[in-house]
Amino acid sequence: MNIRRKCVAIFSLFLFGIVRADAEFFLPTPNPSPQPEISYLQPTCDEMSNGGFGMVRENGARYHGGIDIQPVHWADDGEPMDSVFSINDGIVVYVNDDEHLSNYGKYVVVVHDGLNLPVHTLYAHLSAVNGELHIGDRVDGGRLLGVLGRTANDCGIPQERAHLHFEIGLRLGNNENFQRWYDKRYGPDDSNYHGVWNGLNLVSFDPLPLLQNGFPLDIAQYVRGLPTAFVTRVHAHKVPEFLKRYPALQDGMVGEENLCGYDVEWTWNSVPKSWRPHFSKKFSPQSPVLIYWDSRQLSTAINYGSLVQNDQDEIYLGHRTQDVLEKILGKE
């Protein structure tokens, strides 16, 4: 750790309670303790669970892909004034400074390319973005990204529920594949203002355990070790760009010669967390097929839309999984 980072960490620890002075990872706001959750997560309705990750909205019917962190400092007019920090060294890949263009409001995305799996973190509903921040900037962990707020296109967040929406996850498609999917879904006249950093092109996993327990040095192993809800077999005669971006999710170094497809392990919310290549055409269906599901996670996966169950109790891939595969694989 260099002297500058160590000073930043010690200063942050003294003022804001950020994890520990020698840590590579920082909490994203001055809120000092993810435990207990009741003083960390911001409820959006009447139940604290609404600020958490997963199927926590509308009585379990709607998904929330991050966590909402409560502010701890307010101005005299009641507006939050918490600083928002990058949790780790990385590169700024996207800045949206126009709150009207996204239900994230003003948001910043940082890719942590020094990790063995270059996950991104997303910081949303900011009242202001650090004016010195630009796409392509390299930032240290603990770098100021903006100020916690309540911006969100046309649906304003009440002052008393201002929060930082924080996500950690993976980007799915490249520009070509995602834009093709977007145009098919919404029509070419509907503008995609955010390119590949549109929230519809991102998948995430629960960041709260990582903030509570500390980030593992081997984040790739952590992601691959998330519980497997189901497995699909997909056809592919070339290595997807997704795996070139995230090679640690693939079993071994794989060339494209004789590649026929992959067996993909998924979380319940359609994170394609582990890819095992195969080279036999008889095991390579032209369309994705479901080859395994965990009955203990089935109801959650169905509720989310990763899987679907028909009237004969047969299980199929749901629209969420099909969308992810289309964004990743595109058209061969």
Protein backbone atom coordinates (compact mmCIF):
# COMPACT_ATOMS: atom_id res chain seq x y z
CA MET A 1 0.00 0.00 0.00
CA ASN A 2 1.46 3.39 -0.94
CA ILE A 3 1.72 6.26 1.53
CA ARG A 4 -1.07 8.28 -0.09
CA ARG A 5 -3.59 5.43 0.13
CA LYS A 6 -2.59 4.66 3.69
CA CYS A 7 -3.12 8.30 4.65
CA VAL A 8 -6.49 8.32 2.91
CA ALA A 9 -7.47 5.15 4.73
CA ILE A 10 -6.38 6.45 8.14
CA PHE A 11 -8.11 9.80 7.53
CA SER A 12 -11.27 8.02 6.41
CA LEU A 13 -11.17 5.71 9.41
CA PHE A 14 -10.84 8.68 11.79
CA LEU A 15 -13.65 10.72 10.24
CA PHE A 16 -15.99 8.19 8.75
CA GLY A 17 -15.41 4.79 10.33
CA ILE A 18 -14.24 3.15 7.11
CA VAL A 19 -13.34 -0.48 7.65
CA ARG A 20 -9.63 -0.45 8.66
CA ALA A 21 -6.57 1.58 7.86
CA ASP A 22 -4.67 -1.16 6.05
CA ALA A 23 -7.58 -2.39 3.95
CA GLU A 24 -7.61 -2.45 0.17
CA PHE A 25 -11.40 -2.05 0.28
CA PHE A 26 -13.42 0.84 1.65
CA LEU A 27 -17.03 1.28 2.62
CA PRO A 28 -18.83 3.37 -0.03
CA THR A 29 -20.22 6.00 2.40
CA PRO A 30 -19.49 7.39 5.88
CA ASN A 31 -22.16 5.06 7.30
CA PRO A 32 -19.70 3.15 9.46
CA SER A 33 -21.23 -0.26 10.01
CA PRO A 34 -23.17 -2.63 7.74
CA GLN A 35 -24.13 -4.41 10.96
CA PRO A 36 -26.81 -4.12 12.21
CA GLU A 37 -28.65 -3.84 8.91
CA ILE A 38 -31.41 -1.74 10.47
CA SER A 39 -29.04 1.24 10.73
CA TYR A 40 -27.43 0.60 7.34
CA LEU A 41 -30.17 -0.24 4.84
CA GLN A 42 -32.68 2.44 3.91
CA PRO A 43 -36.30 1.21 3.69
CA THR A 44 -38.12 2.45 0.61
CA CYS A 45 -41.55 1.59 2.01
CA ASP A 46 -42.51 0.30 5.44
CA GLU A 47 -40.26 -2.74 5.65
CA MET A 48 -36.51 -2.61 6.13
CA SER A 49 -36.09 -5.49 3.66
CA ASN A 50 -37.00 -3.15 0.83
CA GLY A 51 -33.52 -1.64 1.09
CA GLY A 52 -31.85 -5.02 0.69
CA PHE A 53 -30.92 -7.15 -2.28
CA GLY A 54 -33.19 -9.64 -4.04
CA MET A 55 -36.94 -10.15 -4.37
CA VAL A 56 -37.71 -7.62 -1.65
CA ARG A 57 -40.08 -5.19 -3.37
CA GLU A 58 -43.87 -5.37 -3.69
CA ASN A 59 -44.24 -8.25 -1.22
CA GLY A 60 -41.54 -10.27 -2.95
CA ALA A 61 -42.79 -9.73 -6.49
CA ARG A 62 -40.16 -7.24 -7.66
CA TYR A 63 -36.40 -7.51 -7.80
CA HIS A 64 -33.92 -5.04 -6.33
CA GLY A 65 -30.43 -5.47 -7.78
CA GLY A 66 -28.42 -3.66 -5.11
CA ILE A 67 -28.61 -2.31 -1.59
CA ASP A 68 -29.78 1.12 -0.42
CA ILE A 69 -27.44 2.67 2.16
CA GLN A 70 -28.75 5.20 4.67
CA PRO A 71 -27.08 8.61 5.03
CA VAL A 72 -25.58 9.67 8.36
CA HIS A 73 -24.91 13.38 7.71
CA TRP A 74 -27.50 16.01 6.76
CA ALA A 75 -27.43 19.70 5.92
CA ASP A 76 -29.66 22.18 7.75
CA ASP A 77 -32.31 21.86 5.04
CA GLY A 78 -32.56 18.10 5.63
CA GLU A 79 -30.70 17.06 2.48
CA PRO A 80 -28.04 14.35 2.90
CA MET A 81 -24.42 15.39 2.55
CA ASP A 82 -22.56 12.07 2.82
CA SER A 83 -19.59 11.64 0.53
CA VAL A 84 -19.54 8.58 -1.73
CA PHE A 85 -16.27 6.72 -2.24
CA SER A 86 -14.90 4.14 -4.64
CA ILE A 87 -14.60 0.91 -2.66
CA ASN A 88 -11.38 -0.16 -4.39
CA ASP A 89 -8.82 0.96 -6.96
CA GLY A 90 -10.22 0.97 -10.47
CA ILE A 91 -11.10 2.90 -13.59
CA VAL A 92 -14.14 5.12 -14.09
CA VAL A 93 -16.00 3.63 -17.04
CA TYR A 94 -19.21 5.63 -16.92
CA VAL A 95 -20.59 8.87 -15.50
CA ASN A 96 -24.21 9.94 -15.91
CA ASP A 97 -24.65 13.51 -14.72
CA ASP A 98 -28.20 13.95 -16.06
CA GLU A 99 -30.68 12.62 -13.53
CA HIS A 100 -33.53 12.69 -16.04
CA LEU A 101 -31.97 10.01 -18.26
CA SER A 102 -32.07 7.07 -15.83
CA ASN A 103 -33.99 5.70 -12.88
CA TYR A 104 -30.51 5.47 -11.32
CA GLY A 105 -30.51 9.28 -11.42
CA LYS A 106 -26.95 10.57 -11.43
CA TYR A 107 -24.61 7.59 -11.23
CA VAL A 108 -21.00 6.50 -11.57
CA VAL A 109 -19.61 3.09 -12.54
CA VAL A 110 -16.09 1.93 -11.63
CA VAL A 111 -14.45 -1.27 -12.94
CA HIS A 112 -11.96 -2.77 -10.49
CA ASP A 113 -9.55 -4.11 -13.06
CA GLY A 114 -6.86 -4.98 -10.52
CA LEU A 115 -8.92 -7.88 -9.17
CA ASN A 116 -8.73 -11.37 -10.65
CA LEU A 117 -12.34 -10.84 -11.75
CA PRO A 118 -12.82 -7.22 -12.90
CA VAL A 119 -16.22 -6.65 -11.31
CA HIS A 120 -17.80 -3.22 -11.47
CA THR A 121 -19.41 -1.18 -8.72
CA LEU A 122 -22.26 1.23 -9.39
CA TYR A 123 -23.14 4.25 -7.23
CA ALA A 124 -26.59 5.68 -7.94
CA HIS A 125 -29.06 8.45 -6.94
CA LEU A 126 -26.19 10.88 -6.35
CA SER A 127 -27.12 14.50 -5.72
CA ALA A 128 -23.85 15.50 -7.37
CA VAL A 129 -20.97 13.82 -9.17
CA ASN A 130 -17.41 14.87 -8.38
CA GLY A 131 -16.74 17.47 -11.07
CA GLU A 132 -13.12 16.36 -11.39
CA LEU A 133 -14.18 12.85 -12.38
CA HIS A 134 -14.09 11.77 -16.02
CA ILE A 135 -14.54 8.54 -17.94
CA GLY A 136 -11.17 6.83 -18.18
CA ASP A 137 -9.84 8.24 -14.91
CA ARG A 138 -7.98 5.83 -12.69
CA VAL A 139 -9.11 6.16 -9.08
CA ASP A 140 -7.75 4.87 -5.79
CA GLY A 141 -9.91 3.10 -3.26
CA GLY A 142 -11.48 5.79 -1.08
CA ARG A 143 -11.57 8.35 -3.95
CA LEU A 144 -14.49 10.77 -3.77
CA LEU A 145 -17.04 9.98 -6.50
CA GLY A 146 -19.90 12.25 -5.50
CA VAL A 147 -22.50 13.05 -2.87
CA LEU A 148 -25.28 10.75 -1.68
CA GLY A 149 -28.70 11.96 -2.79
CA ARG A 150 -32.12 11.11 -4.19
CA THR A 151 -32.02 11.76 -7.94
CA ALA A 152 -34.04 9.40 -10.15
CA ASN A 153 -35.42 10.55 -13.54
CA ASP A 154 -39.13 11.37 -13.21
CA CYS A 155 -39.89 9.49 -9.99
CA GLY A 156 -38.37 11.57 -7.23
CA ILE A 157 -37.17 9.94 -4.02
CA PRO A 158 -38.54 11.58 -0.85
CA GLN A 159 -36.01 13.48 1.22
CA GLU A 160 -36.47 11.20 4.22
CA ARG A 161 -35.60 8.18 2.07
CA ALA A 162 -32.50 9.52 0.35
CA HIS A 163 -29.85 6.82 -0.03
CA LEU A 164 -26.95 5.46 -2.03
CA HIS A 165 -28.02 2.61 -4.30
CA PHE A 166 -24.93 0.41 -4.48
CA GLU A 167 -24.38 -2.54 -6.83
CA ILE A 168 -21.56 -4.93 -7.58
CA GLY A 169 -21.64 -7.20 -10.60
CA LEU A 170 -20.78 -8.03 -14.19
CA ARG A 171 -21.46 -6.46 -17.58
CA LEU A 172 -23.17 -8.75 -20.07
CA GLY A 173 -23.05 -7.79 -23.74
CA ASN A 174 -20.70 -5.77 -25.90
CA ASN A 175 -22.15 -2.72 -27.62
CA GLU A 176 -23.31 -4.63 -30.72
CA ASN A 177 -25.09 -7.45 -28.91
CA PHE A 178 -26.70 -5.27 -26.27
CA GLN A 179 -27.86 -2.63 -28.72
CA ARG A 180 -29.39 -5.31 -30.95
CA TRP A 181 -31.25 -6.71 -27.94
CA TYR A 182 -32.31 -3.22 -26.83
CA ASP A 183 -33.67 -2.26 -30.26
CA LYS A 184 -35.62 -5.51 -30.49
CA ARG A 185 -37.10 -5.00 -27.03
CA TYR A 186 -37.87 -1.28 -27.17
CA GLY A 187 -37.69 -0.34 -30.84
CA PRO A 188 -35.00 1.68 -32.62
CA ASP A 189 -36.73 4.97 -31.77
CA ASP A 190 -36.19 4.45 -28.03
CA SER A 191 -32.80 5.93 -27.18
CA ASN A 192 -30.26 3.99 -25.17
CA TYR A 193 -28.49 6.88 -23.46
CA HIS A 194 -26.01 4.80 -21.48
CA GLY A 195 -24.49 2.35 -23.96
CA VAL A 196 -23.21 -0.87 -22.41
CA TRP A 197 -23.49 0.68 -18.92
CA ASN A 198 -27.26 0.74 -19.15
CA GLY A 199 -28.60 -1.07 -16.08
CA LEU A 200 -30.36 -3.54 -18.38
CA ASN A 201 -26.92 -4.81 -19.45
CA LEU A 202 -25.71 -5.50 -15.91
CA VAL A 203 -26.18 -8.43 -13.52
CA SER A 204 -25.36 -8.23 -9.85
CA PHE A 205 -24.98 -10.18 -6.64
CA ASP A 206 -25.64 -9.16 -3.06
CA PRO A 207 -22.91 -6.73 -1.89
CA LEU A 208 -23.99 -6.66 1.75
CA PRO A 209 -22.14 -9.85 2.86
CA LEU A 210 -18.98 -8.45 1.29
CA LEU A 211 -19.33 -5.14 3.10
CA GLN A 212 -20.06 -6.96 6.35
CA ASN A 213 -17.40 -9.66 6.19
CA GLY A 214 -14.72 -8.16 3.98
CA PHE A 215 -13.93 -8.67 0.31
CA PRO A 216 -12.05 -11.86 -0.53
CA LEU A 217 -8.76 -11.54 -2.37
CA ASP A 218 -10.03 -14.15 -4.82
CA ILE A 219 -13.25 -12.49 -5.95
CA ALA A 220 -13.48 -14.89 -8.93
CA GLN A 221 -13.63 -17.88 -6.59
CA TYR A 222 -16.23 -16.06 -4.51
CA VAL A 223 -18.50 -15.44 -7.50
CA ARG A 224 -18.05 -18.95 -8.88
CA GLY A 225 -18.86 -20.26 -5.42
CA LEU A 226 -22.23 -18.52 -5.21
CA PRO A 227 -25.01 -21.14 -4.93
CA THR A 228 -25.89 -22.75 -8.26
CA ALA A 229 -29.62 -22.52 -8.92
CA PHE A 230 -29.58 -24.15 -12.36
CA VAL A 231 -27.33 -25.19 -15.25
CA THR A 232 -27.84 -24.67 -18.97
CA ARG A 233 -26.09 -26.11 -21.99
CA VAL A 234 -25.48 -23.59 -24.76
CA HIS A 235 -24.08 -23.78 -28.26
CA ALA A 236 -21.00 -21.69 -29.11
CA HIS A 237 -18.30 -22.14 -31.72
CA LYS A 238 -16.27 -19.19 -30.47
CA VAL A 239 -15.33 -17.85 -27.05
CA PRO A 240 -17.86 -15.15 -26.14
CA GLU A 241 -16.54 -11.64 -25.58
CA PHE A 242 -18.03 -11.91 -22.08
CA LEU A 243 -15.52 -14.67 -21.23
CA LYS A 244 -12.65 -12.78 -22.80
CA ARG A 245 -13.55 -9.97 -20.40
CA TYR A 246 -14.04 -12.37 -17.48
CA PRO A 247 -11.73 -15.33 -18.24
CA ALA A 248 -11.67 -16.40 -14.57
CA LEU A 249 -15.29 -17.59 -14.94
CA GLN A 250 -14.23 -20.17 -17.53
CA ASP A 251 -12.70 -23.55 -16.76
CA GLY A 252 -9.17 -23.41 -18.15
CA MET A 253 -7.73 -21.60 -21.13
CA VAL A 254 -9.91 -22.48 -24.09
CA GLY A 255 -9.23 -21.85 -27.74
CA GLU A 256 -11.94 -21.79 -30.37
CA GLU A 257 -10.75 -24.80 -32.33
CA ASN A 258 -13.35 -27.56 -31.99
CA LEU A 259 -15.30 -25.59 -29.36
CA CYS A 260 -18.95 -26.63 -29.44
CA GLY A 261 -20.49 -25.02 -26.39
CA TYR A 262 -20.59 -24.55 -22.65
CA ASP A 263 -22.35 -25.81 -19.58
CA VAL A 264 -23.18 -22.64 -17.68
CA GLU A 265 -23.94 -22.47 -13.97
CA TRP A 266 -26.32 -19.69 -12.89
CA THR A 267 -27.43 -18.02 -9.71
CA TRP A 268 -31.18 -17.69 -9.11
CA ASN A 269 -31.07 -14.15 -10.52
CA SER A 270 -29.39 -15.12 -13.80
CA VAL A 271 -25.76 -14.37 -13.05
CA PRO A 272 -23.82 -16.74 -15.40
CA LYS A 273 -21.14 -17.48 -12.84
CA SER A 274 -19.26 -20.49 -14.18
CA TRP A 275 -18.65 -21.77 -17.74
CA ARG A 276 -17.37 -25.26 -18.57
CA PRO A 277 -16.53 -25.75 -22.28
CA HIS A 278 -17.22 -28.95 -24.19
CA PHE A 279 -16.08 -30.11 -27.58
CA SER A 280 -18.56 -32.78 -28.61
CA LYS A 281 -21.25 -31.85 -31.12
CA LYS A 282 -23.67 -34.40 -29.71
CA PHE A 283 -23.64 -32.46 -26.43
CA SER A 284 -24.12 -29.12 -28.14
CA PRO A 285 -27.79 -28.27 -28.80
CA GLN A 286 -28.40 -25.35 -31.15
CA SER A 287 -30.76 -23.77 -28.62
CA PRO A 288 -30.00 -23.36 -24.90
CA VAL A 289 -31.42 -26.18 -22.78
CA LEU A 290 -31.89 -26.60 -19.05
CA ILE A 291 -30.00 -29.63 -17.74
CA TYR A 292 -30.23 -29.15 -13.96
CA TRP A 293 -32.02 -27.10 -11.34
CA ASP A 294 -31.84 -26.96 -7.56
CA SER A 295 -35.32 -27.58 -6.16
CA ARG A 296 -34.46 -25.50 -3.06
CA GLN A 297 -34.01 -22.38 -5.20
CA LEU A 298 -36.67 -23.14 -7.78
CA SER A 299 -39.43 -20.92 -6.43
CA THR A 300 -37.11 -17.91 -6.17
CA ALA A 301 -35.75 -18.45 -9.69
CA ILE A 302 -39.30 -18.73 -11.04
CA ASN A 303 -40.41 -15.65 -9.13
CA TYR A 304 -37.52 -13.69 -10.59
CA GLY A 305 -38.08 -15.02 -14.12
CA SER A 306 -34.88 -17.06 -14.56
CA LEU A 307 -36.98 -20.22 -14.89
CA VAL A 308 -40.62 -20.91 -15.68
CA GLN A 309 -42.89 -23.80 -14.74
CA ASN A 310 -45.84 -24.78 -16.94
CA ASP A 311 -49.13 -26.38 -15.98
CA GLN A 312 -47.58 -29.84 -16.34
CA ASP A 313 -44.86 -28.87 -13.81
CA GLU A 314 -42.21 -28.89 -16.53
CA ILE A 315 -39.34 -26.45 -15.98
CA TYR A 316 -37.95 -24.24 -18.76
CA LEU A 317 -35.61 -21.29 -19.14
CA GLY A 318 -37.35 -18.04 -18.31
CA HIS A 319 -37.15 -14.75 -20.16
CA ARG A 320 -34.47 -13.35 -17.83
CA THR A 321 -32.01 -16.14 -18.64
CA GLN A 322 -32.83 -16.02 -22.34
CA ASP A 323 -32.22 -12.27 -22.36
CA VAL A 324 -28.84 -12.69 -20.66
CA LEU A 325 -27.76 -15.31 -23.18
CA GLU A 326 -28.86 -13.13 -26.07
CA LYS A 327 -26.88 -10.17 -24.75
CA ILE A 328 -23.78 -12.34 -24.25
CA LEU A 329 -23.88 -14.61 -27.28
CA GLY A 330 -25.69 -12.42 -29.78
CA LYS A 331 -26.09 -14.09 -33.14
CA GLU A 332 -23.36 -16.40 -34.32
